[in-house]
Amino acid sequence: MFGEACFISKVNLTSASSHRESDPIDHLTAPELEHGLDAILRSPPTDGRLELLVRRPAVDEREVLDEGELDQAEGLVGDRWGARGANPDVQLTLMNARVIALLARVRERWPLAGDQLYVDLDLSRANLPPGTRLRIGSALIEVTAEPHTGCKKFAARFGVEAVRFVSTPVGKSNCLRGINARVVEAGTIRRADAVRKVEQQPTAGT
C-alpha cells in the first residue's frame, strides 16, 4: 500500500515540524479526516506489515531504522524508554500506518508522531484486546491495557482536528492514536516484516 522509500537515519524534528506546519494544508480539516476513515477501517486484522521503525534516542530526536532489536528489559534497544526505566507496559508504542499517512501527508513527517512501530494492521481493541500477542520478525510483543492518547506536541504537529479525530468514540475504539505493548520475547525486527497475531493472553478484568 505504502511502497518502498529511502530512509534517512536521523530526523530533525524541529525543522520537519516548523517547515511543514507553516503550510496550512498539512493540518487537515474534520471532513478531510473523516474522508480517510474508511481506508483506515479496512486495515488487515491478522496479517499486517511493519511499515516504519523509529528509535527515539532523546527527547525530540528520531532515528529511522531498517532494523532494530527488541529486548525484554530495554524495549527497543537504544530508545530512550530504556534509559528512563519507565513503566514496562509502555515499552513500545504502535500506530496504524494508514492513520499517520493521513495525518502527516508526507512520509518524512511520520516520525513526528513519536511512536516506534508504524504498522499496517487493525489496532482496534476489538481486534487486539490487551493480552494479544504479535509476532514481528523473531520478536514477540504483547498488547497492554495502558491507553495511548494524544498530547500538545501531537496537536502542534498535526492539528487540533487530528486530536479530535483520534479522540472520538470511533477513534478511541479503533485506537487511532495507537496502542502500547511490551516485549515478551527478544528478537530482531526489520522494516517490511510481517506483523501477525499468534495468541491471546486475556488480562485480569478483561
Protein backbone atom coordinates (compact mmCIF):
# COMPACT_ATOMS: atom_id res chain seq x y z
CA MET A 1 0.00 0.00 0.00
CA PHE A 2 2.69 2.45 1.00
CA GLY A 3 5.55 1.32 -1.23
CA GLU A 4 9.25 1.46 -0.51
CA ALA A 5 11.30 4.56 0.19
CA CYS A 6 14.83 5.57 1.04
CA PHE A 7 15.16 6.26 4.75
CA ILE A 8 17.41 8.75 6.46
CA SER A 9 18.99 7.61 9.71
CA LYS A 10 18.13 10.71 11.71
CA VAL A 11 15.19 13.10 11.64
CA ASN A 12 15.44 16.74 12.73
CA LEU A 13 12.05 17.24 14.33
CA THR A 14 12.42 20.98 14.71
CA SER A 15 12.96 21.63 11.01
CA ALA A 16 10.49 18.96 9.87
CA SER A 17 7.78 20.28 12.14
CA SER A 18 8.25 24.02 11.66
CA HIS A 19 8.67 23.82 7.89
CA ARG A 20 5.61 21.70 7.34
CA GLU A 21 3.39 23.49 9.85
CA SER A 22 3.98 26.77 8.04
CA ASP A 23 1.88 25.25 5.27
CA PRO A 24 -1.77 25.04 6.45
CA ILE A 25 -2.59 22.23 4.02
CA ASP A 26 -0.79 19.84 6.36
CA HIS A 27 -3.42 20.33 9.06
CA LEU A 28 -6.42 18.55 7.64
CA THR A 29 -9.97 19.65 8.28
CA ALA A 30 -12.51 17.43 10.03
CA PRO A 31 -14.24 16.47 6.73
CA GLU A 32 -10.88 15.58 5.16
CA LEU A 33 -10.03 13.38 8.11
CA GLU A 34 -13.42 11.69 8.05
CA HIS A 35 -12.97 11.02 4.35
CA GLY A 36 -9.89 8.95 5.16
CA LEU A 37 -11.59 6.85 7.84
CA ASP A 38 -12.90 4.11 5.53
CA ALA A 39 -9.41 3.18 4.35
CA ILE A 40 -8.18 3.06 7.94
CA LEU A 41 -11.02 0.78 9.00
CA ARG A 42 -10.05 -1.63 6.21
CA SER A 43 -6.67 -2.31 7.82
CA PRO A 44 -5.85 -6.05 7.85
CA PRO A 45 -6.98 -7.75 11.08
CA THR A 46 -4.38 -10.52 11.20
CA ASP A 47 -1.50 -10.37 8.74
CA GLY A 48 -0.09 -6.86 8.78
CA ARG A 49 3.25 -5.30 7.98
CA LEU A 50 5.81 -3.12 9.75
CA GLU A 51 5.92 -0.01 7.56
CA LEU A 52 8.31 2.15 9.60
CA LEU A 53 10.60 1.62 12.59
CA VAL A 54 11.68 4.64 14.61
CA ARG A 55 14.00 4.90 17.61
CA ARG A 56 13.90 7.88 19.99
CA PRO A 57 17.39 8.29 21.48
CA ALA A 58 16.44 11.53 23.29
CA VAL A 59 13.56 13.96 23.61
CA ASP A 60 12.58 15.27 20.16
CA GLU A 61 15.18 13.09 18.43
CA ARG A 62 14.31 10.32 15.99
CA GLU A 63 16.32 7.68 14.17
CA VAL A 64 14.57 5.85 11.35
CA LEU A 65 15.84 2.29 11.24
CA ASP A 66 15.83 -0.51 8.71
CA GLU A 67 16.49 -2.97 11.55
CA GLY A 68 16.16 -2.89 15.33
CA GLU A 69 16.50 -5.12 18.36
CA LEU A 70 13.67 -5.66 20.84
CA ASP A 71 14.69 -6.59 24.37
CA GLN A 72 12.58 -7.54 27.39
CA ALA A 73 14.50 -5.16 29.65
CA GLU A 74 15.21 -2.29 27.24
CA GLY A 75 12.28 -2.34 24.83
CA LEU A 76 13.62 -1.09 21.50
CA VAL A 77 17.37 -1.11 22.12
CA GLY A 78 18.74 2.44 22.02
CA ASP A 79 15.35 4.05 22.60
CA ARG A 80 15.06 6.50 25.48
CA TRP A 81 12.37 4.38 27.16
CA GLY A 82 15.11 2.01 28.34
CA ALA A 83 17.21 4.87 29.68
CA ARG A 84 14.30 6.14 31.75
CA GLY A 85 13.41 2.72 33.15
CA ALA A 86 9.75 3.57 32.72
CA ASN A 87 6.54 1.56 33.02
CA PRO A 88 7.06 -1.79 31.20
CA ASP A 89 3.51 -1.58 29.85
CA VAL A 90 4.59 1.33 27.64
CA GLN A 91 7.86 -0.13 26.35
CA LEU A 92 6.61 0.10 22.78
CA THR A 93 4.05 2.23 21.02
CA LEU A 94 2.40 1.13 17.80
CA MET A 95 0.46 3.37 15.44
CA ASN A 96 -1.64 2.42 12.44
CA ALA A 97 0.33 3.36 9.32
CA ARG A 98 -2.83 4.39 7.49
CA VAL A 99 -3.67 6.86 10.24
CA ILE A 100 -0.27 8.53 10.24
CA ALA A 101 -0.19 8.55 6.43
CA LEU A 102 -3.44 10.53 6.53
CA LEU A 103 -2.35 12.95 9.27
CA ALA A 104 1.24 13.53 8.16
CA ARG A 105 0.56 13.80 4.42
CA VAL A 106 4.21 13.02 3.60
CA ARG A 107 6.17 10.05 4.89
CA GLU A 108 9.06 12.18 6.14
CA ARG A 109 6.75 13.54 8.82
CA TRP A 110 5.61 10.18 10.21
CA PRO A 111 8.25 10.17 12.99
CA LEU A 112 6.77 13.40 14.35
CA ALA A 113 4.02 11.30 15.94
CA GLY A 114 6.55 9.95 18.43
CA ASP A 115 5.75 6.26 18.05
CA GLN A 116 8.24 3.48 17.36
CA LEU A 117 6.38 0.92 15.24
CA TYR A 118 4.09 2.04 12.41
CA VAL A 119 2.12 -0.96 11.24
CA ASP A 120 -0.49 -1.68 8.60
CA LEU A 121 -2.74 -3.59 10.99
CA ASP A 122 -6.12 -3.13 12.67
CA LEU A 123 -5.18 -1.90 16.16
CA SER A 124 -8.74 -1.71 17.49
CA ARG A 125 -9.49 -3.05 20.96
CA ALA A 126 -11.94 -5.48 19.36
CA ASN A 127 -9.17 -6.92 17.19
CA LEU A 128 -6.23 -6.54 19.60
CA PRO A 129 -7.52 -6.59 23.19
CA PRO A 130 -4.92 -6.39 25.98
CA GLY A 131 -3.02 -9.66 26.13
CA THR A 132 -2.96 -10.18 22.36
CA ARG A 133 0.47 -11.22 21.18
CA LEU A 134 2.08 -10.20 17.91
CA ARG A 135 5.00 -11.82 16.15
CA ILE A 136 7.27 -9.35 14.34
CA GLY A 137 10.46 -10.78 12.90
CA SER A 138 11.97 -13.02 15.57
CA ALA A 139 10.45 -10.95 18.42
CA LEU A 140 7.16 -11.40 20.25
CA ILE A 141 5.30 -8.49 21.80
CA GLU A 142 2.12 -8.25 23.87
CA VAL A 143 -0.53 -5.55 23.74
CA THR A 144 -1.06 -3.88 27.13
CA ALA A 145 -4.07 -2.14 28.63
CA GLU A 146 -2.27 1.18 29.06
CA PRO A 147 -4.12 3.78 26.93
CA HIS A 148 -2.21 5.78 24.32
CA THR A 149 -3.51 9.32 23.94
CA GLY A 150 -2.59 12.48 22.07
CA CYS A 151 -0.59 15.34 23.56
CA LYS A 152 0.19 19.01 22.94
CA LYS A 153 3.05 18.10 20.60
CA PHE A 154 0.75 15.85 18.59
CA ALA A 155 -1.73 18.72 18.22
CA ALA A 156 1.00 21.16 17.21
CA ARG A 157 2.37 18.83 14.57
CA PHE A 158 -0.85 17.51 13.06
CA GLY A 159 -3.53 19.98 14.12
CA VAL A 160 -6.30 20.23 16.68
CA GLU A 161 -8.72 18.46 14.34
CA ALA A 162 -6.36 15.49 14.24
CA VAL A 163 -6.52 15.21 18.03
CA ARG A 164 -10.30 15.36 17.89
CA PHE A 165 -10.33 12.76 15.13
CA VAL A 166 -8.38 10.19 17.15
CA SER A 167 -10.33 11.06 20.32
CA THR A 168 -13.88 10.46 19.07
CA PRO A 169 -15.67 7.28 20.21
CA VAL A 170 -14.78 5.70 16.86
CA GLY A 171 -11.23 6.94 17.14
CA LYS A 172 -10.81 5.55 20.64
CA SER A 173 -12.42 2.17 19.95
CA ASN A 174 -10.19 1.75 16.90
CA CYS A 175 -7.11 3.08 18.75
CA LEU A 176 -6.37 5.59 16.01
CA ARG A 177 -3.79 7.28 18.23
CA GLY A 178 -2.12 3.91 18.75
CA ILE A 179 -1.56 1.25 21.38
CA ASN A 180 1.07 0.30 23.93
CA ALA A 181 2.89 -3.01 24.11
CA ARG A 182 5.70 -4.79 25.93
CA VAL A 183 8.37 -7.19 24.72
CA VAL A 184 7.70 -10.85 25.58
CA GLU A 185 10.49 -12.46 23.55
CA ALA A 186 13.58 -10.57 22.42
CA GLY A 187 14.44 -10.58 18.76
CA THR A 188 15.31 -8.66 15.61
CA ILE A 189 12.68 -6.73 13.68
CA ARG A 190 13.07 -5.17 10.25
CA ARG A 191 11.11 -2.74 8.14
CA ALA A 192 8.63 -4.66 5.96
CA ASP A 193 8.45 -7.58 8.41
CA ALA A 194 5.08 -9.29 8.71
CA VAL A 195 3.08 -8.50 11.85
CA ARG A 196 0.94 -11.48 12.87
CA LYS A 197 -1.39 -12.28 15.73
CA VAL A 198 -0.21 -15.51 17.31
CA GLU A 199 -2.08 -15.87 20.57
CA GLN A 200 -4.05 -14.01 23.17
CA GLN A 201 -3.48 -13.93 26.92
CA PRO A 202 -6.53 -12.22 28.47
CA THR A 203 -5.59 -9.88 31.30
CA ALA A 204 -7.43 -9.71 34.61
CA GLY A 205 -10.74 -7.95 34.31
CA THR A 206 -10.98 -8.26 30.52
